[in-house]
PDB file of N, CA and C in Angstrom:
ATOM      1  N   UNK A   1     -13.325 -40.547 231.011  1.00  0.00           N
ATOM      2  CA  UNK A   1     -12.383 -39.683 230.298  1.00  0.00           C
ATOM      3  C   UNK A   1     -13.188 -38.708 229.445  1.00  0.00           C
ATOM      4  N   UNK A   2     -12.769 -37.476 229.437  1.00  0.00           N
ATOM      5  CA  UNK A   2     -13.416 -36.444 228.632  1.00  0.00           C
ATOM      6  C   UNK A   2     -12.418 -35.882 227.628  1.00  0.00           C
ATOM      7  N   UNK A   3     -12.938 -35.397 226.522  1.00  0.00           N
ATOM      8  CA  UNK A   3     -12.117 -34.749 225.503  1.00  0.00           C
ATOM      9  C   UNK A   3     -12.587 -33.313 225.345  1.00  0.00           C
ATOM     10  N   UNK A   4     -11.710 -32.387 225.658  1.00  0.00           N
ATOM     11  CA  UNK A   4     -11.970 -30.959 225.469  1.00  0.00           C
ATOM     12  C   UNK A   4     -11.240 -30.536 224.203  1.00  0.00           C
ATOM     13  N   UNK A   5     -11.922 -29.838 223.319  1.00  0.00           N
ATOM     14  CA  UNK A   5     -11.294 -29.326 222.098  1.00  0.00           C
ATOM     15  C   UNK A   5     -11.520 -27.825 222.019  1.00  0.00           C
ATOM     16  N   UNK A   6     -10.439 -27.108 221.895  1.00  0.00           N
ATOM     17  CA  UNK A   6     -10.498 -25.662 221.657  1.00  0.00           C
ATOM     18  C   UNK A   6      -9.946 -25.476 220.249  1.00  0.00           C
ATOM     19  N   UNK A   7     -10.820 -25.077 219.335  1.00  0.00           N
ATOM     20  CA  UNK A   7     -10.473 -25.091 217.915  1.00  0.00           C
ATOM     21  C   UNK A   7     -10.478 -23.688 217.307  1.00  0.00           C
ATOM     22  N   UNK A   8      -9.586 -23.508 216.359  1.00  0.00           N
ATOM     23  CA  UNK A   8      -9.579 -22.278 215.576  1.00  0.00           C
ATOM     24  C   UNK A   8      -9.080 -21.040 216.299  1.00  0.00           C
ATOM     25  N   UNK A   9      -8.212 -21.228 217.290  1.00  0.00           N
ATOM     26  CA  UNK A   9      -7.621 -20.051 217.941  1.00  0.00           C
ATOM     27  C   UNK A   9      -6.679 -19.388 216.944  1.00  0.00           C
ATOM     28  N   UNK A  10      -6.773 -18.080 216.804  1.00  0.00           N
ATOM     29  CA  UNK A  10      -5.933 -17.372 215.839  1.00  0.00           C
ATOM     30  C   UNK A  10      -5.029 -16.373 216.542  1.00  0.00           C
ATOM     31  N   UNK A  11      -3.789 -16.336 216.062  1.00  0.00           N
ATOM     32  CA  UNK A  11      -2.780 -15.458 216.647  1.00  0.00           C
ATOM     33  C   UNK A  11      -1.907 -14.892 215.539  1.00  0.00           C
ATOM     34  N   UNK A  12      -1.374 -13.717 215.776  1.00  0.00           N
ATOM     35  CA  UNK A  12      -0.331 -13.167 214.915  1.00  0.00           C
ATOM     36  C   UNK A  12       0.953 -13.337 215.709  1.00  0.00           C
ATOM     37  N   UNK A  13       1.937 -14.031 215.123  1.00  0.00           N
ATOM     38  CA  UNK A  13       3.150 -14.355 215.870  1.00  0.00           C
ATOM     39  C   UNK A  13       4.363 -14.310 214.947  1.00  0.00           C
ATOM     40  N   UNK A  14       5.521 -14.539 215.526  1.00  0.00           N
ATOM     41  CA  UNK A  14       6.791 -14.376 214.822  1.00  0.00           C
ATOM     42  C   UNK A  14       7.614 -15.664 214.844  1.00  0.00           C
ATOM     43  N   UNK A  15       6.973 -16.770 214.470  1.00  0.00           N
ATOM     44  CA  UNK A  15       7.647 -18.059 214.420  1.00  0.00           C
ATOM     45  C   UNK A  15       8.141 -18.314 213.005  1.00  0.00           C
ATOM     46  N   UNK A  16       9.357 -18.836 212.892  1.00  0.00           N
ATOM     47  CA  UNK A  16       9.871 -19.198 211.580  1.00  0.00           C
ATOM     48  C   UNK A  16      11.386 -19.169 211.538  1.00  0.00           C
ATOM     49  N   UNK A  17      11.909 -19.888 210.610  1.00  0.00           N
ATOM     50  CA  UNK A  17      13.359 -19.997 210.430  1.00  0.00           C
ATOM     51  C   UNK A  17      13.932 -18.781 209.696  1.00  0.00           C
ATOM     52  N   UNK A  18      13.172 -18.252 208.739  1.00  0.00           N
ATOM     53  CA  UNK A  18      13.684 -17.170 207.896  1.00  0.00           C
ATOM     54  C   UNK A  18      13.530 -15.810 208.577  1.00  0.00           C
ATOM     55  N   UNK A  19      14.483 -14.924 208.299  1.00  0.00           N
ATOM     56  CA  UNK A  19      14.500 -13.604 208.927  1.00  0.00           C
ATOM     57  C   UNK A  19      13.206 -12.832 208.674  1.00  0.00           C
ATOM     58  N   UNK A  20      12.663 -12.936 207.466  1.00  0.00           N
ATOM     59  CA  UNK A  20      11.421 -12.219 207.154  1.00  0.00           C
ATOM     60  C   UNK A  20      10.281 -12.674 208.066  1.00  0.00           C
ATOM     61  N   UNK A  21      10.250 -13.946 208.450  1.00  0.00           N
ATOM     62  CA  UNK A  21       9.212 -14.452 209.357  1.00  0.00           C
ATOM     63  C   UNK A  21       9.397 -13.886 210.763  1.00  0.00           C
ATOM     64  N   UNK A  22      10.639 -13.691 211.153  1.00  0.00           N
ATOM     65  CA  UNK A  22      10.932 -13.172 212.486  1.00  0.00           C
ATOM     66  C   UNK A  22      10.634 -11.686 212.593  1.00  0.00           C
ATOM     67  N   UNK A  23      10.694 -10.979 211.463  1.00  0.00           N
ATOM     68  CA  UNK A  23      10.465  -9.540 211.462  1.00  0.00           C
ATOM     69  C   UNK A  23       9.009  -9.202 211.137  1.00  0.00           C
ATOM     70  N   UNK A  24       8.497  -9.782 210.059  1.00  0.00           N
ATOM     71  CA  UNK A  24       7.141  -9.454 209.601  1.00  0.00           C
ATOM     72  C   UNK A  24       6.064 -10.238 210.330  1.00  0.00           C
ATOM     73  N   UNK A  25       6.383 -11.452 210.775  1.00  0.00           N
ATOM     74  CA  UNK A  25       5.389 -12.281 211.445  1.00  0.00           C
ATOM     75  C   UNK A  25       4.405 -12.890 210.469  1.00  0.00           C
ATOM     76  N   UNK A  26       3.438 -13.598 211.016  1.00  0.00           N
ATOM     77  CA  UNK A  26       2.454 -14.297 210.195  1.00  0.00           C
ATOM     78  C   UNK A  26       1.246 -14.652 211.065  1.00  0.00           C
ATOM     79  N   UNK A  27       0.186 -15.063 210.387  1.00  0.00           N
ATOM     80  CA  UNK A  27      -1.009 -15.543 211.087  1.00  0.00           C
ATOM     81  C   UNK A  27      -0.852 -17.042 211.353  1.00  0.00           C
ATOM     82  N   UNK A  28      -1.301 -17.449 212.518  1.00  0.00           N
ATOM     83  CA  UNK A  28      -1.261 -18.849 212.919  1.00  0.00           C
ATOM     84  C   UNK A  28      -2.624 -19.257 213.456  1.00  0.00           C
ATOM     85  N   UNK A  29      -2.934 -20.513 213.278  1.00  0.00           N
ATOM     86  CA  UNK A  29      -4.149 -21.089 213.846  1.00  0.00           C
ATOM     87  C   UNK A  29      -3.725 -22.260 214.730  1.00  0.00           C
ATOM     88  N   UNK A  30      -4.365 -22.377 215.899  1.00  0.00           N
ATOM     89  CA  UNK A  30      -4.027 -23.443 216.838  1.00  0.00           C
ATOM     90  C   UNK A  30      -5.299 -24.185 217.230  1.00  0.00           C
ATOM     91  N   UNK A  31      -5.203 -25.522 217.213  1.00  0.00           N
ATOM     92  CA  UNK A  31      -6.258 -26.395 217.714  1.00  0.00           C
ATOM     93  C   UNK A  31      -5.671 -27.211 218.855  1.00  0.00           C
ATOM     94  N   UNK A  32      -6.422 -27.310 219.937  1.00  0.00           N
ATOM     95  CA  UNK A  32      -5.947 -27.988 221.132  1.00  0.00           C
ATOM     96  C   UNK A  32      -6.950 -29.059 221.538  1.00  0.00           C
ATOM     97  N   UNK A  33      -6.442 -30.268 221.808  1.00  0.00           N
ATOM     98  CA  UNK A  33      -7.266 -31.357 222.327  1.00  0.00           C
ATOM     99  C   UNK A  33      -6.667 -31.786 223.655  1.00  0.00           C
ATOM    100  N   UNK A  34      -7.525 -31.890 224.653  1.00  0.00           N
ATOM    101  CA  UNK A  34      -7.078 -32.258 225.989  1.00  0.00           C
ATOM    102  C   UNK A  34      -7.952 -33.404 226.487  1.00  0.00           C
ATOM    103  N   UNK A  35      -7.318 -34.500 226.876  1.00  0.00           N
ATOM    104  CA  UNK A  35      -8.025 -35.617 227.491  1.00  0.00           C
ATOM    105  C   UNK A  35      -7.762 -35.579 228.986  1.00  0.00           C
ATOM    106  N   UNK A  36      -8.853 -35.643 229.759  1.00  0.00           N
ATOM    107  CA  UNK A  36      -8.728 -35.569 231.214  1.00  0.00           C
ATOM    108  C   UNK A  36      -9.913 -36.260 231.863  1.00  0.00           C
ATOM    109  N   UNK A  37      -9.712 -36.648 233.112  1.00  0.00           N
ATOM    110  CA  UNK A  37     -10.799 -37.214 233.898  1.00  0.00           C
ATOM    111  C   UNK A  37     -11.579 -36.064 234.523  1.00  0.00           C
ATOM    112  N   UNK A  38     -12.800 -35.877 234.073  1.00  0.00           N
ATOM    113  CA  UNK A  38     -13.613 -34.739 234.529  1.00  0.00           C
ATOM    114  C   UNK A  38     -14.976 -35.179 235.044  1.00  0.00           C
ATOM    115  N   UNK A  39     -15.092 -36.418 235.474  1.00  0.00           N
ATOM    116  CA  UNK A  39     -16.392 -36.935 235.899  1.00  0.00           C
ATOM    117  C   UNK A  39     -16.942 -36.200 237.119  1.00  0.00           C
ATOM    118  N   UNK A  40     -16.041 -35.697 237.979  1.00  0.00           N
ATOM    119  CA  UNK A  40     -16.516 -34.966 239.164  1.00  0.00           C
ATOM    120  C   UNK A  40     -17.341 -33.746 238.752  1.00  0.00           C
ATOM    121  N   UNK A  41     -16.885 -33.037 237.715  1.00  0.00           N
ATOM    122  CA  UNK A  41     -17.622 -31.850 237.247  1.00  0.00           C
ATOM    123  C   UNK A  41     -19.003 -32.230 236.718  1.00  0.00           C
ATOM    124  N   UNK A  42     -19.104 -33.415 236.137  1.00  0.00           N
ATOM    125  CA  UNK A  42     -20.410 -33.890 235.669  1.00  0.00           C
ATOM    126  C   UNK A  42     -21.394 -34.097 236.803  1.00  0.00           C
ATOM    127  N   UNK A  43     -20.878 -34.349 237.980  1.00  0.00           N
ATOM    128  CA  UNK A  43     -21.724 -34.546 239.165  1.00  0.00           C
ATOM    129  C   UNK A  43     -22.014 -33.239 239.891  1.00  0.00           C
ATOM    130  N   UNK A  44     -20.992 -32.370 239.989  1.00  0.00           N
ATOM    131  CA  UNK A  44     -21.125 -31.176 240.837  1.00  0.00           C
ATOM    132  C   UNK A  44     -21.573 -29.925 240.095  1.00  0.00           C
ATOM    133  N   UNK A  45     -21.307 -29.856 238.791  1.00  0.00           N
ATOM    134  CA  UNK A  45     -21.627 -28.667 237.993  1.00  0.00           C
ATOM    135  C   UNK A  45     -20.863 -27.433 238.489  1.00  0.00           C
ATOM    136  N   UNK A  46     -19.623 -27.636 238.951  1.00  0.00           N
ATOM    137  CA  UNK A  46     -18.801 -26.541 239.475  1.00  0.00           C
ATOM    138  C   UNK A  46     -17.534 -26.390 238.640  1.00  0.00           C
ATOM    139  N   UNK A  47     -17.201 -25.144 238.319  1.00  0.00           N
ATOM    140  CA  UNK A  47     -16.028 -24.847 237.507  1.00  0.00           C
ATOM    141  C   UNK A  47     -14.736 -25.360 238.144  1.00  0.00           C
ATOM    142  N   UNK A  48     -14.642 -25.282 239.461  1.00  0.00           N
ATOM    143  CA  UNK A  48     -13.413 -25.728 240.116  1.00  0.00           C
ATOM    144  C   UNK A  48     -13.185 -27.239 240.015  1.00  0.00           C
ATOM    145  N   UNK A  49     -14.190 -27.979 239.556  1.00  0.00           N
ATOM    146  CA  UNK A  49     -14.057 -29.429 239.397  1.00  0.00           C
ATOM    147  C   UNK A  49     -13.759 -29.855 237.960  1.00  0.00           C
ATOM    148  N   UNK A  50     -13.512 -28.881 237.103  1.00  0.00           N
ATOM    149  CA  UNK A  50     -13.213 -29.202 235.718  1.00  0.00           C
ATOM    150  C   UNK A  50     -11.969 -28.435 235.272  1.00  0.00           C
ATOM    151  N   UNK A  51     -11.630 -28.592 234.029  1.00  0.00           N
ATOM    152  CA  UNK A  51     -10.507 -27.862 233.455  1.00  0.00           C
ATOM    153  C   UNK A  51     -11.053 -26.559 232.871  1.00  0.00           C
ATOM    154  N   UNK A  52     -10.532 -25.451 233.312  1.00  0.00           N
ATOM    155  CA  UNK A  52     -11.007 -24.131 232.893  1.00  0.00           C
ATOM    156  C   UNK A  52     -10.502 -23.837 231.476  1.00  0.00           C
ATOM    157  N   UNK A  53     -11.416 -23.830 230.500  1.00  0.00           N
ATOM    158  CA  UNK A  53     -11.051 -23.607 229.092  1.00  0.00           C
ATOM    159  C   UNK A  53     -10.372 -22.266 228.886  1.00  0.00           C
ATOM    160  N   UNK A  54     -10.813 -21.256 229.630  1.00  0.00           N
ATOM    161  CA  UNK A  54     -10.225 -19.918 229.497  1.00  0.00           C
ATOM    162  C   UNK A  54      -8.755 -19.938 229.892  1.00  0.00           C
ATOM    163  N   UNK A  55      -8.426 -20.643 230.953  1.00  0.00           N
ATOM    164  CA  UNK A  55      -7.026 -20.736 231.391  1.00  0.00           C
ATOM    165  C   UNK A  55      -6.193 -21.501 230.361  1.00  0.00           C
ATOM    166  N   UNK A  56      -6.768 -22.533 229.774  1.00  0.00           N
ATOM    167  CA  UNK A  56      -6.053 -23.287 228.734  1.00  0.00           C
ATOM    168  C   UNK A  56      -5.784 -22.388 227.525  1.00  0.00           C
ATOM    169  N   UNK A  57      -6.774 -21.585 227.140  1.00  0.00           N
ATOM    170  CA  UNK A  57      -6.585 -20.638 226.031  1.00  0.00           C
ATOM    171  C   UNK A  57      -5.452 -19.654 226.353  1.00  0.00           C
ATOM    172  N   UNK A  58      -5.430 -19.151 227.576  1.00  0.00           N
ATOM    173  CA  UNK A  58      -4.395 -18.182 227.949  1.00  0.00           C
ATOM    174  C   UNK A  58      -2.997 -18.798 227.914  1.00  0.00           C
ATOM    175  N   UNK A  59      -2.880 -20.076 228.258  1.00  0.00           N
ATOM    176  CA  UNK A  59      -1.593 -20.764 228.142  1.00  0.00           C
ATOM    177  C   UNK A  59      -1.142 -20.763 226.681  1.00  0.00           C
ATOM    178  N   UNK A  60      -2.044 -21.120 225.770  1.00  0.00           N
ATOM    179  CA  UNK A  60      -1.710 -21.139 224.347  1.00  0.00           C
ATOM    180  C   UNK A  60      -1.322 -19.743 223.882  1.00  0.00           C
ATOM    181  N   UNK A  61      -2.091 -18.752 224.277  1.00  0.00           N
ATOM    182  CA  UNK A  61      -1.818 -17.364 223.877  1.00  0.00           C
ATOM    183  C   UNK A  61      -0.426 -16.923 224.349  1.00  0.00           C
ATOM    184  N   UNK A  62      -0.080 -17.231 225.580  1.00  0.00           N
ATOM    185  CA  UNK A  62       1.232 -16.853 226.115  1.00  0.00           C
ATOM    186  C   UNK A  62       2.362 -17.547 225.360  1.00  0.00           C
ATOM    187  N   UNK A  63       2.210 -18.820 225.079  1.00  0.00           N
ATOM    188  CA  UNK A  63       3.258 -19.559 224.370  1.00  0.00           C
ATOM    189  C   UNK A  63       3.383 -19.112 222.913  1.00  0.00           C
ATOM    190  N   UNK A  64       2.287 -18.758 222.280  1.00  0.00           N
ATOM    191  CA  UNK A  64       2.339 -18.266 220.902  1.00  0.00           C
ATOM    192  C   UNK A  64       3.042 -16.921 220.815  1.00  0.00           C
ATOM    193  N   UNK A  65       3.093 -16.174 221.911  1.00  0.00           N
ATOM    194  CA  UNK A  65       3.744 -14.859 221.922  1.00  0.00           C
ATOM    195  C   UNK A  65       5.266 -14.960 222.034  1.00  0.00           C
ATOM    196  N   UNK A  66       5.781 -16.152 222.299  1.00  0.00           N
ATOM    197  CA  UNK A  66       7.234 -16.350 222.421  1.00  0.00           C
ATOM    198  C   UNK A  66       7.763 -16.843 221.077  1.00  0.00           C
ATOM    199  N   UNK A  67       8.571 -16.046 220.366  1.00  0.00           N
ATOM    200  CA  UNK A  67       9.062 -16.447 219.043  1.00  0.00           C
ATOM    201  C   UNK A  67       9.897 -17.726 219.086  1.00  0.00           C
ATOM    202  N   UNK A  68       9.712 -18.560 218.076  1.00  0.00           N
ATOM    203  CA  UNK A  68      10.488 -19.796 217.919  1.00  0.00           C
ATOM    204  C   UNK A  68      10.828 -19.974 216.453  1.00  0.00           C
ATOM    205  N   UNK A  69      11.922 -20.639 216.190  1.00  0.00           N
ATOM    206  CA  UNK A  69      12.291 -20.959 214.812  1.00  0.00           C
ATOM    207  C   UNK A  69      11.406 -22.062 214.230  1.00  0.00           C
ATOM    208  N   UNK A  70      11.011 -23.008 215.080  1.00  0.00           N
ATOM    209  CA  UNK A  70      10.294 -24.193 214.591  1.00  0.00           C
ATOM    210  C   UNK A  70       8.936 -24.362 215.258  1.00  0.00           C
ATOM    211  N   UNK A  71       7.965 -24.833 214.478  1.00  0.00           N
ATOM    212  CA  UNK A  71       6.648 -25.131 215.033  1.00  0.00           C
ATOM    213  C   UNK A  71       6.737 -26.261 216.054  1.00  0.00           C
ATOM    214  N   UNK A  72       7.690 -27.166 215.878  1.00  0.00           N
ATOM    215  CA  UNK A  72       7.880 -28.251 216.838  1.00  0.00           C
ATOM    216  C   UNK A  72       8.152 -27.699 218.242  1.00  0.00           C
ATOM    217  N   UNK A  73       8.935 -26.641 218.294  1.00  0.00           N
ATOM    218  CA  UNK A  73       9.264 -26.025 219.588  1.00  0.00           C
ATOM    219  C   UNK A  73       8.030 -25.380 220.201  1.00  0.00           C
ATOM    220  N   UNK A  74       7.244 -24.707 219.401  1.00  0.00           N
ATOM    221  CA  UNK A  74       6.010 -24.077 219.879  1.00  0.00           C
ATOM    222  C   UNK A  74       5.062 -25.140 220.430  1.00  0.00           C
ATOM    223  N   UNK A  75       4.845 -26.209 219.659  1.00  0.00           N
ATOM    224  CA  UNK A  75       3.939 -27.280 220.081  1.00  0.00           C
ATOM    225  C   UNK A  75       4.392 -27.906 221.393  1.00  0.00           C
ATOM    226  N   UNK A  76       5.678 -28.206 221.499  1.00  0.00           N
ATOM    227  CA  UNK A  76       6.177 -28.857 222.706  1.00  0.00           C
ATOM    228  C   UNK A  76       6.032 -27.961 223.921  1.00  0.00           C
ATOM    229  N   UNK A  77       6.264 -26.664 223.755  1.00  0.00           N
ATOM    230  CA  UNK A  77       6.081 -25.731 224.882  1.00  0.00           C
ATOM    231  C   UNK A  77       4.629 -25.708 225.339  1.00  0.00           C
ATOM    232  N   UNK A  78       3.690 -25.698 224.387  1.00  0.00           N
ATOM    233  CA  UNK A  78       2.261 -25.693 224.749  1.00  0.00           C
ATOM    234  C   UNK A  78       1.907 -26.971 225.497  1.00  0.00           C
ATOM    235  N   UNK A  79       2.356 -28.115 224.990  1.00  0.00           N
ATOM    236  CA  UNK A  79       2.081 -29.394 225.657  1.00  0.00           C
ATOM    237  C   UNK A  79       2.634 -29.377 227.081  1.00  0.00           C
ATOM    238  N   UNK A  80       3.874 -28.947 227.236  1.00  0.00           N
ATOM    239  CA  UNK A  80       4.498 -28.923 228.564  1.00  0.00           C
ATOM    240  C   UNK A  80       3.737 -28.034 229.533  1.00  0.00           C
ATOM    241  N   UNK A  81       3.348 -26.855 229.086  1.00  0.00           N
ATOM    242  CA  UNK A  81       2.617 -25.923 229.967  1.00  0.00           C
ATOM    243  C   UNK A  81       1.250 -26.463 230.358  1.00  0.00           C
ATOM    244  N   UNK A  82       0.520 -27.029 229.395  1.00  0.00           N
ATOM    245  CA  UNK A  82      -0.818 -27.574 229.699  1.00  0.00           C
ATOM    246  C   UNK A  82      -0.692 -28.683 230.744  1.00  0.00           C
ATOM    247  N   UNK A  83       0.274 -29.579 230.548  1.00  0.00           N
ATOM    248  CA  UNK A  83       0.419 -30.699 231.485  1.00  0.00           C
ATOM    249  C   UNK A  83       0.908 -30.226 232.859  1.00  0.00           C
ATOM    250  N   UNK A  84       1.679 -29.156 232.900  1.00  0.00           N
ATOM    251  CA  UNK A  84       2.149 -28.614 234.172  1.00  0.00           C
ATOM    252  C   UNK A  84       1.032 -27.891 234.914  1.00  0.00           C
ATOM    253  N   UNK A  85       0.269 -27.106 234.201  1.00  0.00           N
ATOM    254  CA  UNK A  85      -0.759 -26.275 234.839  1.00  0.00           C
ATOM    255  C   UNK A  85      -2.038 -27.034 235.164  1.00  0.00           C
ATOM    256  N   UNK A  86      -2.264 -28.149 234.510  1.00  0.00           N
ATOM    257  CA  UNK A  86      -3.486 -28.929 234.712  1.00  0.00           C
ATOM    258  C   UNK A  86      -3.107 -30.386 234.988  1.00  0.00           C
ATOM    259  N   UNK A  87      -2.842 -30.742 236.240  1.00  0.00           N
ATOM    260  CA  UNK A  87      -2.379 -32.098 236.559  1.00  0.00           C
ATOM    261  C   UNK A  87      -3.390 -33.194 236.225  1.00  0.00           C
ATOM    262  N   UNK A  88      -4.652 -32.853 236.051  1.00  0.00           N
ATOM    263  CA  UNK A  88      -5.669 -33.850 235.713  1.00  0.00           C
ATOM    264  C   UNK A  88      -5.595 -34.295 234.250  1.00  0.00           C
ATOM    265  N   UNK A  89      -4.786 -33.616 233.449  1.00  0.00           N
ATOM    266  CA  UNK A  89      -4.673 -33.919 232.023  1.00  0.00           C
ATOM    267  C   UNK A  89      -3.906 -35.223 231.822  1.00  0.00           C
ATOM    268  N   UNK A  90      -4.468 -36.093 231.003  1.00  0.00           N
ATOM    269  CA  UNK A  90      -3.844 -37.368 230.673  1.00  0.00           C
ATOM    270  C   UNK A  90      -3.089 -37.303 229.348  1.00  0.00           C
ATOM    271  N   UNK A  91      -3.632 -36.539 228.410  1.00  0.00           N
ATOM    272  CA  UNK A  91      -3.046 -36.473 227.071  1.00  0.00           C
ATOM    273  C   UNK A  91      -3.390 -35.128 226.449  1.00  0.00           C
ATOM    274  N   UNK A  92      -2.432 -34.569 225.708  1.00  0.00           N
ATOM    275  CA  UNK A  92      -2.633 -33.294 225.006  1.00  0.00           C
ATOM    276  C   UNK A  92      -2.214 -33.473 223.556  1.00  0.00           C
ATOM    277  N   UNK A  93      -3.000 -32.923 222.663  1.00  0.00           N
ATOM    278  CA  UNK A  93      -2.644 -32.857 221.248  1.00  0.00           C
ATOM    279  C   UNK A  93      -2.787 -31.404 220.817  1.00  0.00           C
ATOM    280  N   UNK A  94      -1.751 -30.884 220.165  1.00  0.00           N
ATOM    281  CA  UNK A  94      -1.795 -29.502 219.701  1.00  0.00           C
ATOM    282  C   UNK A  94      -1.407 -29.470 218.228  1.00  0.00           C
ATOM    283  N   UNK A  95      -2.186 -28.729 217.458  1.00  0.00           N
ATOM    284  CA  UNK A  95      -1.913 -28.544 216.030  1.00  0.00           C
ATOM    285  C   UNK A  95      -1.716 -27.053 215.797  1.00  0.00           C
ATOM    286  N   UNK A  96      -0.545 -26.698 215.268  1.00  0.00           N
ATOM    287  CA  UNK A  96      -0.251 -25.306 214.940  1.00  0.00           C
ATOM    288  C   UNK A  96      -0.124 -25.203 213.425  1.00  0.00           C
ATOM    289  N   UNK A  97      -0.880 -24.278 212.843  1.00  0.00           N
ATOM    290  CA  UNK A  97      -0.859 -24.061 211.401  1.00  0.00           C
ATOM    291  C   UNK A  97      -0.350 -22.667 211.100  1.00  0.00           C
ATOM    292  N   UNK A  98       0.629 -22.582 210.202  1.00  0.00           N
ATOM    293  CA  UNK A  98       1.132 -21.295 209.719  1.00  0.00           C
ATOM    294  C   UNK A  98       0.379 -20.989 208.432  1.00  0.00           C
ATOM    295  N   UNK A  99      -0.343 -19.881 208.431  1.00  0.00           N
ATOM    296  CA  UNK A  99      -1.158 -19.504 207.282  1.00  0.00           C
ATOM    297  C   UNK A  99      -0.279 -18.814 206.227  1.00  0.00           C
ATOM    298  N   UNK A 100      -0.535 -19.120 204.971  1.00  0.00           N
ATOM    299  CA  UNK A 100       0.214 -18.519 203.857  1.00  0.00           C
ATOM    300  C   UNK A 100       1.730 -18.525 204.095  1.00  0.00           C
ATOM    301  N   UNK A 101       2.329 -19.691 204.293  1.00  0.00           N
ATOM    302  CA  UNK A 101       3.770 -19.729 204.580  1.00  0.00           C
ATOM    303  C   UNK A 101       4.600 -19.264 203.387  1.00  0.00           C
ATOM    304  N   UNK A 102       5.722 -18.611 203.650  1.00  0.00           N
ATOM    305  CA  UNK A 102       6.568 -18.108 202.563  1.00  0.00           C
ATOM    306  C   UNK A 102       7.418 -19.243 201.961  1.00  0.00           C
ATOM    307  N   UNK A 103       6.793 -20.028 201.094  1.00  0.00           N
ATOM    308  CA  UNK A 103       7.470 -21.186 200.517  1.00  0.00           C
ATOM    309  C   UNK A 103       7.591 -21.094 199.001  1.00  0.00           C
ATOM    310  N   UNK A 104       7.359 -19.924 198.447  1.00  0.00           N
ATOM    311  CA  UNK A 104       7.552 -19.733 197.015  1.00  0.00           C
ATOM    312  C   UNK A 104       6.381 -20.153 196.147  1.00  0.00           C
ATOM    313  N   UNK A 105       5.228 -20.308 196.734  1.00  0.00           N
ATOM    314  CA  UNK A 105       4.045 -20.689 195.969  1.00  0.00           C
ATOM    315  C   UNK A 105       2.786 -20.378 196.760  1.00  0.00           C
ATOM    316  N   UNK A 106       1.648 -20.620 196.139  1.00  0.00           N
ATOM    317  CA  UNK A 106       0.362 -20.380 196.786  1.00  0.00           C
ATOM    318  C   UNK A 106       0.028 -21.578 197.674  1.00  0.00           C
ATOM    319  N   UNK A 107       0.162 -21.407 198.985  1.00  0.00           N
ATOM    320  CA  UNK A 107      -0.088 -22.469 199.948  1.00  0.00           C
ATOM    321  C   UNK A 107      -0.982 -21.902 201.043  1.00  0.00           C
ATOM    322  N   UNK A 108      -2.093 -22.558 201.288  1.00  0.00           N
ATOM    323  CA  UNK A 108      -3.024 -22.086 202.315  1.00  0.00           C
ATOM    324  C   UNK A 108      -2.370 -22.089 203.693  1.00  0.00           C
ATOM    325  N   UNK A 109      -1.777 -23.227 204.049  1.00  0.00           N
ATOM    326  CA  UNK A 109      -1.162 -23.326 205.363  1.00  0.00           C
ATOM    327  C   UNK A 109      -0.278 -24.568 205.424  1.00  0.00           C
ATOM    328  N   UNK A 110       0.627 -24.554 206.383  1.00  0.00           N
ATOM    329  CA  UNK A 110       1.419 -25.723 206.719  1.00  0.00           C
ATOM    330  C   UNK A 110       1.174 -25.969 208.205  1.00  0.00           C
ATOM    331  N   UNK A 111       0.971 -27.245 208.576  1.00  0.00           N
ATOM    332  CA  UNK A 111       0.578 -27.552 209.952  1.00  0.00           C
ATOM    333  C   UNK A 111       1.476 -28.619 210.552  1.00  0.00           C
ATOM    334  N   UNK A 112       1.574 -28.576 211.867  1.00  0.00           N
ATOM    335  CA  UNK A 112       2.282 -29.585 212.633  1.00  0.00           C
ATOM    336  C   UNK A 112       1.420 -29.962 213.809  1.00  0.00           C
ATOM    337  N   UNK A 113       1.273 -31.270 214.032  1.00  0.00           N
ATOM    338  CA  UNK A 113       0.517 -31.771 215.184  1.00  0.00           C
ATOM    339  C   UNK A 113       1.450 -32.617 216.041  1.00  0.00           C
ATOM    340  N   UNK A 114       1.407 -32.364 217.350  1.00  0.00           N
ATOM    341  CA  UNK A 114       2.206 -33.151 218.297  1.00  0.00           C
ATOM    342  C   UNK A 114       1.316 -33.563 219.453  1.00  0.00           C
ATOM    343  N   UNK A 115       1.640 -34.699 220.068  1.00  0.00           N
ATOM    344  CA  UNK A 115       0.908 -35.198 221.229  1.00  0.00           C
ATOM    345  C   UNK A 115       1.862 -35.434 222.379  1.00  0.00           C
ATOM    346  N   UNK A 116       1.338 -35.333 223.552  1.00  0.00           N
ATOM    347  CA  UNK A 116       2.158 -35.624 224.723  1.00  0.00           C
ATOM    348  C   UNK A 116       1.301 -35.989 225.911  1.00  0.00           C
TER     349      UNK A 116
END
């Protein structure tokens, strides 16, 4: 079993319950962990025998571009797409952080992590 981690992906997106979040948008950070059987790639040294990190990043980028009211919805969509596009994946963990959330105070970020 291998663990692939793509960390610190940053996006500007329009996720949030409040109208100002849907109009003005915000910065988000995404961390992705993928567990998969990749031993064949360790033997062959060929990209087609492993999980292509670039394709996984593009899945996250596409899902982050679709506005949602809740981070839970964003996370679940990313998990579903990763598992659909990469059948070798055994487990996915995604953490989405909203930077400087509009909560009436000085807050660095609020984060949600989901696994599937």
